Amino acid sequence: MRILVIEDETKVAKALGEGLSAEGYDVRIAMSGEEGFFVVNDEAFDLVLLDLMLPRRDGLEILTALRKRGVQTPVLVLTAKDTVEDRVLGLDCGADDYVVKPFAFAELLARIRALLRRGRMDQVLKLRHEDLEMDLVTRKVTRGVQTLDLTAKESEIVEYLLRHSTCVVSREMLARDVWQVTARATPLDNVIDVSIARVRRKVDDPFAKKLIHTIRGLGFVLGSEPP
């Protein structure tokens, strides 16, 4: 399970990172609201721990923007604000739970487990954009009534594009999240381009409407029209 911690207090962020890692979670730390907003829009997480009092972009602003974009990742708010009005405001903006600082780490873990259980029950089993659909259980990919014959890697690429539909997906993102390689090199870029071309031949070539577009110098986007 991947958890993003958006917390600007160094000691708190370090303690949360170490404690959650010791519990077996894959933890990413963002030290500002701006960084956290970028990361949560760029990567997939199972849960976000969000401080409200953040520099550059506050927690409520981040939360509101995420929910408006349709991001349903569970968000557990961490804050020193403990009035009823503050809690209601956070929940109304889309928070799933609320923990007031200082808190017992054991209680935080219990709340995290509860939210992750709820997230697994509510998770979407199908991804869809226009007439392109992927069943996450069977891994079956269809466009309209036609089933697409994809390799395992092509299926991973389609899933990634669907999860980031209408957003530009860079080669860096594909290298990191699909190929699991953090140090990019020209040969890998070539492999990515060839793989995208193969996916495009199966997803787009047999159909009049094209969904996968190349954005020169940036990457690729799954969308109805090229931006």
Foldseek 3Di string as FASTA:
>chain_A
DEEEEAAQPVVVQVVVVVVVVVVPYHYDYHNFPVRSLVVPLQDDGQEYEAEQDGPPAGRLRSLLVCVVVVNLRAYEYEYQDDDPVVQVSSVVSPHPYYDHPPDDVVVVVVVVVVSSVVCVVPPDQKFDDQQWIAGNVVLWIARNPRTFDDDPLLSLVVVVQSVNAPHFDFLCSCCCPRVVDNDDDPVSVVVVVVSVVVSQCRRPVVDPFGQWDADPPGHIHGHRDDD
